[in-house]
Amino acid sequence: MSIARPPKGYFNETEAAQALGVTLDEFRTLVRTHLLESDEDLANLPRMYYQPSDLVVLRMLAAQRASGSFATAR
């Protein structure tokens, strides 16, 4: 008998990068470009946690970036 684990509710930046299949530097670039509003937020980047919905949006942005149809949105 196997017991199903509930889906993870949050991810740190390393786990989020792995889930998206990108390097940590690529992940940080995505977050810096699309999510952070000020340079002050950069200091908190390693301490941020991401929800599964955040990863959905970041996955779409990573795919756009990889295909070359990259647009900056803030």
PDB file of N, CA and C in Angstrom:
ATOM      1  N   MET A   1       0.832  -1.166   0.000  1.00  0.00           N
ATOM      2  CA  MET A   1       0.000   0.000   0.000  1.00  0.00           C
ATOM      3  C   MET A   1       0.888   1.244   0.000  1.00  0.00           C
ATOM      4  N   SER A   2       0.614   2.157  -0.917  1.00  0.00           N
ATOM      5  CA  SER A   2       1.381   3.395  -0.948  1.00  0.00           C
ATOM      6  C   SER A   2       0.467   4.554  -0.551  1.00  0.00           C
ATOM      7  N   ILE A   3       1.030   5.460   0.181  1.00  0.00           N
ATOM      8  CA  ILE A   3       0.290   6.633   0.631  1.00  0.00           C
ATOM      9  C   ILE A   3       0.734   7.815  -0.214  1.00  0.00           C
ATOM     10  N   ALA A   4      -0.229   8.467  -0.845  1.00  0.00           N
ATOM     11  CA  ALA A   4       0.096   9.617  -1.698  1.00  0.00           C
ATOM     12  C   ALA A   4       0.431  10.820  -0.827  1.00  0.00           C
ATOM     13  N   ARG A   5       1.503  11.481  -1.181  1.00  0.00           N
ATOM     14  CA  ARG A   5       1.888  12.709  -0.486  1.00  0.00           C
ATOM     15  C   ARG A   5       1.106  13.869  -1.077  1.00  0.00           C
ATOM     16  N   PRO A   6       0.681  14.796  -0.252  1.00  0.00           N
ATOM     17  CA  PRO A   6       0.017  15.982  -0.809  1.00  0.00           C
ATOM     18  C   PRO A   6       1.026  16.809  -1.591  1.00  0.00           C
ATOM     19  N   PRO A   7       0.553  17.558  -2.581  1.00  0.00           N
ATOM     20  CA  PRO A   7       1.485  18.399  -3.338  1.00  0.00           C
ATOM     21  C   PRO A   7       2.160  19.414  -2.429  1.00  0.00           C
ATOM     22  N   LYS A   8       3.366  19.762  -2.796  1.00  0.00           N
ATOM     23  CA  LYS A   8       4.132  20.721  -1.999  1.00  0.00           C
ATOM     24  C   LYS A   8       3.480  22.097  -2.110  1.00  0.00           C
ATOM     25  N   GLY A   9       3.360  22.787  -1.000  1.00  0.00           N
ATOM     26  CA  GLY A   9       2.691  24.081  -0.980  1.00  0.00           C
ATOM     27  C   GLY A   9       3.590  25.257  -1.273  1.00  0.00           C
ATOM     28  N   TYR A  10       4.915  25.065  -1.152  1.00  0.00           N
ATOM     29  CA  TYR A  10       5.840  26.155  -1.411  1.00  0.00           C
ATOM     30  C   TYR A  10       7.203  25.575  -1.789  1.00  0.00           C
ATOM     31  N   PHE A  11       8.008  26.386  -2.454  1.00  0.00           N
ATOM     32  CA  PHE A  11       9.334  25.977  -2.921  1.00  0.00           C
ATOM     33  C   PHE A  11      10.323  27.082  -2.604  1.00  0.00           C
ATOM     34  N   ASN A  12      11.550  26.705  -2.217  1.00  0.00           N
ATOM     35  CA  ASN A  12      12.597  27.714  -2.125  1.00  0.00           C
ATOM     36  C   ASN A  12      13.155  27.918  -3.525  1.00  0.00           C
ATOM     37  N   GLU A  13      14.101  28.821  -3.688  1.00  0.00           N
ATOM     38  CA  GLU A  13      14.560  29.137  -5.046  1.00  0.00           C
ATOM     39  C   GLU A  13      15.268  27.963  -5.718  1.00  0.00           C
ATOM     40  N   THR A  14      15.983  27.161  -4.967  1.00  0.00           N
ATOM     41  CA  THR A  14      16.673  26.008  -5.556  1.00  0.00           C
ATOM     42  C   THR A  14      15.669  24.976  -6.040  1.00  0.00           C
ATOM     43  N   GLU A  15      14.673  24.684  -5.210  1.00  0.00           N
ATOM     44  CA  GLU A  15      13.642  23.724  -5.592  1.00  0.00           C
ATOM     45  C   GLU A  15      12.826  24.235  -6.777  1.00  0.00           C
ATOM     46  N   ALA A  16      12.535  25.527  -6.787  1.00  0.00           N
ATOM     47  CA  ALA A  16      11.767  26.116  -7.881  1.00  0.00           C
ATOM     48  C   ALA A  16      12.547  26.030  -9.192  1.00  0.00           C
ATOM     49  N   ALA A  17      13.829  26.325  -9.157  1.00  0.00           N
ATOM     50  CA  ALA A  17      14.663  26.235 -10.362  1.00  0.00           C
ATOM     51  C   ALA A  17      14.693  24.801 -10.877  1.00  0.00           C
ATOM     52  N   GLN A  18      14.835  23.838  -9.982  1.00  0.00           N
ATOM     53  CA  GLN A  18      14.837  22.430 -10.377  1.00  0.00           C
ATOM     54  C   GLN A  18      13.495  22.037 -10.982  1.00  0.00           C
ATOM     55  N   ALA A  19      12.405  22.488 -10.385  1.00  0.00           N
ATOM     56  CA  ALA A  19      11.076  22.162 -10.898  1.00  0.00           C
ATOM     57  C   ALA A  19      10.856  22.724 -12.301  1.00  0.00           C
ATOM     58  N   LEU A  20      11.468  23.875 -12.577  1.00  0.00           N
ATOM     59  CA  LEU A  20      11.333  24.498 -13.895  1.00  0.00           C
ATOM     60  C   LEU A  20      12.349  23.979 -14.900  1.00  0.00           C
ATOM     61  N   GLY A  21      13.352  23.263 -14.426  1.00  0.00           N
ATOM     62  CA  GLY A  21      14.374  22.744 -15.326  1.00  0.00           C
ATOM     63  C   GLY A  21      15.344  23.804 -15.808  1.00  0.00           C
ATOM     64  N   VAL A  22      15.583  24.812 -14.967  1.00  0.00           N
ATOM     65  CA  VAL A  22      16.535  25.864 -15.316  1.00  0.00           C
ATOM     66  C   VAL A  22      17.599  25.934 -14.229  1.00  0.00           C
ATOM     67  N   THR A  23      18.698  26.606 -14.548  1.00  0.00           N
ATOM     68  CA  THR A  23      19.743  26.782 -13.544  1.00  0.00           C
ATOM     69  C   THR A  23      19.285  27.818 -12.525  1.00  0.00           C
ATOM     70  N   LEU A  24      19.950  27.843 -11.405  1.00  0.00           N
ATOM     71  CA  LEU A  24      19.617  28.823 -10.361  1.00  0.00           C
ATOM     72  C   LEU A  24      19.818  30.245 -10.878  1.00  0.00           C
ATOM     73  N   ASP A  25      20.877  30.470 -11.655  1.00  0.00           N
ATOM     74  CA  ASP A  25      21.109  31.804 -12.224  1.00  0.00           C
ATOM     75  C   ASP A  25      19.997  32.197 -13.198  1.00  0.00           C
ATOM     76  N   GLU A  26      19.550  31.246 -14.031  1.00  0.00           N
ATOM     77  CA  GLU A  26      18.447  31.534 -14.960  1.00  0.00           C
ATOM     78  C   GLU A  26      17.164  31.838 -14.191  1.00  0.00           C
ATOM     79  N   PHE A  27      16.921  31.094 -13.125  1.00  0.00           N
ATOM     80  CA  PHE A  27      15.745  31.326 -12.302  1.00  0.00           C
ATOM     81  C   PHE A  27      15.786  32.715 -11.673  1.00  0.00           C
ATOM     82  N   ARG A  28      16.932  33.068 -11.127  1.00  0.00           N
ATOM     83  CA  ARG A  28      17.072  34.393 -10.511  1.00  0.00           C
ATOM     84  C   ARG A  28      16.867  35.508 -11.532  1.00  0.00           C
ATOM     85  N   THR A  29      17.336  35.298 -12.745  1.00  0.00           N
ATOM     86  CA  THR A  29      17.139  36.285 -13.805  1.00  0.00           C
ATOM     87  C   THR A  29      15.658  36.443 -14.126  1.00  0.00           C
ATOM     88  N   LEU A  30      14.933  35.327 -14.216  1.00  0.00           N
ATOM     89  CA  LEU A  30      13.489  35.388 -14.461  1.00  0.00           C
ATOM     90  C   LEU A  30      12.779  36.168 -13.365  1.00  0.00           C
ATOM     91  N   VAL A  31      13.101  35.856 -12.130  1.00  0.00           N
ATOM     92  CA  VAL A  31      12.454  36.521 -10.998  1.00  0.00           C
ATOM     93  C   VAL A  31      12.817  38.001 -10.982  1.00  0.00           C
ATOM     94  N   ARG A  32      14.084  38.298 -11.196  1.00  0.00           N
ATOM     95  CA  ARG A  32      14.540  39.696 -11.180  1.00  0.00           C
ATOM     96  C   ARG A  32      13.847  40.496 -12.282  1.00  0.00           C
ATOM     97  N   THR A  33      13.700  39.899 -13.453  1.00  0.00           N
ATOM     98  CA  THR A  33      13.131  40.599 -14.595  1.00  0.00           C
ATOM     99  C   THR A  33      11.617  40.778 -14.477  1.00  0.00           C
ATOM    100  N   HIS A  34      10.927  39.775 -13.945  1.00  0.00           N
ATOM    101  CA  HIS A  34       9.468  39.783 -14.002  1.00  0.00           C
ATOM    102  C   HIS A  34       8.748  39.991 -12.673  1.00  0.00           C
ATOM    103  N   LEU A  35       9.393  39.726 -11.560  1.00  0.00           N
ATOM    104  CA  LEU A  35       8.675  39.780 -10.289  1.00  0.00           C
ATOM    105  C   LEU A  35       9.118  40.886  -9.344  1.00  0.00           C
ATOM    106  N   LEU A  36      10.399  41.159  -9.305  1.00  0.00           N
ATOM    107  CA  LEU A  36      10.891  42.139  -8.341  1.00  0.00           C
ATOM    108  C   LEU A  36      10.579  43.553  -8.813  1.00  0.00           C
ATOM    109  N   GLU A  37      10.186  44.385  -7.869  1.00  0.00           N
ATOM    110  CA  GLU A  37       9.829  45.750  -8.212  1.00  0.00           C
ATOM    111  C   GLU A  37      10.919  46.762  -7.889  1.00  0.00           C
ATOM    112  N   SER A  38      11.846  46.407  -7.003  1.00  0.00           N
ATOM    113  CA  SER A  38      12.907  47.343  -6.652  1.00  0.00           C
ATOM    114  C   SER A  38      14.198  46.591  -6.368  1.00  0.00           C
ATOM    115  N   ASP A  39      15.287  47.328  -6.368  1.00  0.00           N
ATOM    116  CA  ASP A  39      16.579  46.719  -6.060  1.00  0.00           C
ATOM    117  C   ASP A  39      16.651  46.227  -4.624  1.00  0.00           C
ATOM    118  N   GLU A  40      15.839  46.826  -3.748  1.00  0.00           N
ATOM    119  CA  GLU A  40      15.807  46.392  -2.353  1.00  0.00           C
ATOM    120  C   GLU A  40      15.290  44.956  -2.235  1.00  0.00           C
ATOM    121  N   ASP A  41      14.395  44.568  -3.144  1.00  0.00           N
ATOM    122  CA  ASP A  41      13.860  43.209  -3.136  1.00  0.00           C
ATOM    123  C   ASP A  41      14.928  42.166  -3.449  1.00  0.00           C
ATOM    124  N   LEU A  42      15.983  42.585  -4.143  1.00  0.00           N
ATOM    125  CA  LEU A  42      17.058  41.656  -4.513  1.00  0.00           C
ATOM    126  C   LEU A  42      17.705  41.025  -3.294  1.00  0.00           C
ATOM    127  N   ALA A  43      17.831  41.760  -2.223  1.00  0.00           N
ATOM    128  CA  ALA A  43      18.457  41.239  -1.012  1.00  0.00           C
ATOM    129  C   ALA A  43      17.643  40.097  -0.416  1.00  0.00           C
ATOM    130  N   ASN A  44      16.344  40.096  -0.656  1.00  0.00           N
ATOM    131  CA  ASN A  44      15.470  39.057  -0.115  1.00  0.00           C
ATOM    132  C   ASN A  44      15.318  37.862  -1.039  1.00  0.00           C
ATOM    133  N   LEU A  45      15.857  37.927  -2.240  1.00  0.00           N
ATOM    134  CA  LEU A  45      15.682  36.867  -3.229  1.00  0.00           C
ATOM    135  C   LEU A  45      16.016  35.476  -2.698  1.00  0.00           C
ATOM    136  N   PRO A  46      17.142  35.262  -2.026  1.00  0.00           N
ATOM    137  CA  PRO A  46      17.436  33.910  -1.531  1.00  0.00           C
ATOM    138  C   PRO A  46      16.492  33.424  -0.433  1.00  0.00           C
ATOM    139  N   ARG A  47      15.772  34.343   0.208  1.00  0.00           N
ATOM    140  CA  ARG A  47      14.863  33.965   1.295  1.00  0.00           C
ATOM    141  C   ARG A  47      13.409  33.857   0.858  1.00  0.00           C
ATOM    142  N   MET A  48      13.142  34.100  -0.405  1.00  0.00           N
ATOM    143  CA  MET A  48      11.767  34.066  -0.898  1.00  0.00           C
ATOM    144  C   MET A  48      11.304  32.631  -1.092  1.00  0.00           C
ATOM    145  N   TYR A  49      10.002  32.427  -0.950  1.00  0.00           N
ATOM    146  CA  TYR A  49       9.382  31.137  -1.228  1.00  0.00           C
ATOM    147  C   TYR A  49       8.351  31.334  -2.323  1.00  0.00           C
ATOM    148  N   TYR A  50       8.151  30.301  -3.128  1.00  0.00           N
ATOM    149  CA  TYR A  50       7.293  30.383  -4.296  1.00  0.00           C
ATOM    150  C   TYR A  50       6.196  29.334  -4.193  1.00  0.00           C
ATOM    151  N   GLN A  51       4.982  29.733  -4.530  1.00  0.00           N
ATOM    152  CA  GLN A  51       3.851  28.827  -4.540  1.00  0.00           C
ATOM    153  C   GLN A  51       3.773  28.150  -5.901  1.00  0.00           C
ATOM    154  N   PRO A  52       3.042  27.034  -5.995  1.00  0.00           N
ATOM    155  CA  PRO A  52       2.906  26.362  -7.297  1.00  0.00           C
ATOM    156  C   PRO A  52       2.382  27.292  -8.389  1.00  0.00           C
ATOM    157  N   SER A  53       1.490  28.211  -8.054  1.00  0.00           N
ATOM    158  CA  SER A  53       0.981  29.144  -9.065  1.00  0.00           C
ATOM    159  C   SER A  53       2.083  30.069  -9.577  1.00  0.00           C
ATOM    160  N   ASP A  54       3.034  30.424  -8.714  1.00  0.00           N
ATOM    161  CA  ASP A  54       4.182  31.226  -9.144  1.00  0.00           C
ATOM    162  C   ASP A  54       4.994  30.459 -10.183  1.00  0.00           C
ATOM    163  N   LEU A  55       5.146  29.161  -9.945  1.00  0.00           N
ATOM    164  CA  LEU A  55       5.930  28.336 -10.864  1.00  0.00           C
ATOM    165  C   LEU A  55       5.253  28.202 -12.223  1.00  0.00           C
ATOM    166  N   VAL A  56       3.923  28.202 -12.236  1.00  0.00           N
ATOM    167  CA  VAL A  56       3.202  28.140 -13.512  1.00  0.00           C
ATOM    168  C   VAL A  56       3.541  29.368 -14.351  1.00  0.00           C
ATOM    169  N   VAL A  57       3.478  30.529 -13.734  1.00  0.00           N
ATOM    170  CA  VAL A  57       3.780  31.778 -14.449  1.00  0.00           C
ATOM    171  C   VAL A  57       5.246  31.805 -14.879  1.00  0.00           C
ATOM    172  N   LEU A  58       6.133  31.431 -13.976  1.00  0.00           N
ATOM    173  CA  LEU A  58       7.565  31.435 -14.309  1.00  0.00           C
ATOM    174  C   LEU A  58       7.891  30.413 -15.392  1.00  0.00           C
ATOM    175  N   ARG A  59       7.177  29.292 -15.415  1.00  0.00           N
ATOM    176  CA  ARG A  59       7.392  28.293 -16.475  1.00  0.00           C
ATOM    177  C   ARG A  59       7.011  28.879 -17.837  1.00  0.00           C
ATOM    178  N   MET A  60       5.895  29.614 -17.892  1.00  0.00           N
ATOM    179  CA  MET A  60       5.489  30.246 -19.152  1.00  0.00           C
ATOM    180  C   MET A  60       6.516  31.287 -19.586  1.00  0.00           C
ATOM    181  N   LEU A  61       7.016  32.072 -18.637  1.00  0.00           N
ATOM    182  CA  LEU A  61       8.017  33.084 -18.963  1.00  0.00           C
ATOM    183  C   LEU A  61       9.324  32.445 -19.420  1.00  0.00           C
ATOM    184  N   ALA A  62       9.710  31.338 -18.788  1.00  0.00           N
ATOM    185  CA  ALA A  62      10.928  30.631 -19.188  1.00  0.00           C
ATOM    186  C   ALA A  62      10.777  30.079 -20.599  1.00  0.00           C
ATOM    187  N   ALA A  63       9.590  29.574 -20.936  1.00  0.00           N
ATOM    188  CA  ALA A  63       9.351  29.040 -22.281  1.00  0.00           C
ATOM    189  C   ALA A  63       9.411  30.159 -23.316  1.00  0.00           C
ATOM    190  N   GLN A  64       8.838  31.321 -22.989  1.00  0.00           N
ATOM    191  CA  GLN A  64       8.912  32.466 -23.900  1.00  0.00           C
ATOM    192  C   GLN A  64      10.351  32.882 -24.124  1.00  0.00           C
ATOM    193  N   ARG A  65      11.096  32.900 -23.050  1.00  0.00           N
ATOM    194  CA  ARG A  65      12.500  33.304 -23.134  1.00  0.00           C
ATOM    195  C   ARG A  65      13.291  32.332 -24.012  1.00  0.00           C
ATOM    196  N   ALA A  66      13.031  31.045 -23.844  1.00  0.00           N
ATOM    197  CA  ALA A  66      13.742  30.026 -24.616  1.00  0.00           C
ATOM    198  C   ALA A  66      13.381  30.075 -26.103  1.00  0.00           C
ATOM    199  N   SER A  67      12.129  30.463 -26.389  1.00  0.00           N
ATOM    200  CA  SER A  67      11.698  30.518 -27.784  1.00  0.00           C
ATOM    201  C   SER A  67      12.067  31.832 -28.462  1.00  0.00           C
ATOM    202  N   GLY A  68      12.548  32.786 -27.674  1.00  0.00           N
ATOM    203  CA  GLY A  68      12.959  34.063 -28.243  1.00  0.00           C
ATOM    204  C   GLY A  68      11.859  35.107 -28.263  1.00  0.00           C
ATOM    205  N   SER A  69      10.657  34.752 -27.875  1.00  0.00           N
ATOM    206  CA  SER A  69       9.575  35.736 -27.830  1.00  0.00           C
ATOM    207  C   SER A  69       9.440  36.264 -26.421  1.00  0.00           C
ATOM    208  N   PHE A  70      10.492  36.926 -25.990  1.00  0.00           N
ATOM    209  CA  PHE A  70      10.641  37.369 -24.609  1.00  0.00           C
ATOM    210  C   PHE A  70      10.185  38.804 -24.477  1.00  0.00           C
ATOM    211  N   ALA A  71       9.263  39.063 -23.562  1.00  0.00           N
ATOM    212  CA  ALA A  71       8.802  40.428 -23.298  1.00  0.00           C
ATOM    213  C   ALA A  71       8.869  40.685 -21.803  1.00  0.00           C
ATOM    214  N   THR A  72       9.292  41.866 -21.431  1.00  0.00           N
ATOM    215  CA  THR A  72       9.376  42.231 -20.025  1.00  0.00           C
ATOM    216  C   THR A  72       8.042  42.822 -19.600  1.00  0.00           C
ATOM    217  N   ALA A  73       7.492  42.278 -18.532  1.00  0.00           N
ATOM    218  CA  ALA A  73       6.214  42.788 -18.013  1.00  0.00           C
ATOM    219  C   ALA A  73       6.371  43.107 -16.539  1.00  0.00           C
ATOM    220  N   ARG A  74       5.920  44.252 -16.147  1.00  0.00           N
ATOM    221  CA  ARG A  74       5.921  44.651 -14.724  1.00  0.00           C
ATOM    222  C   ARG A  74       4.667  45.365 -14.418  1.00  0.00           C
TER     223      ARG A  74
END
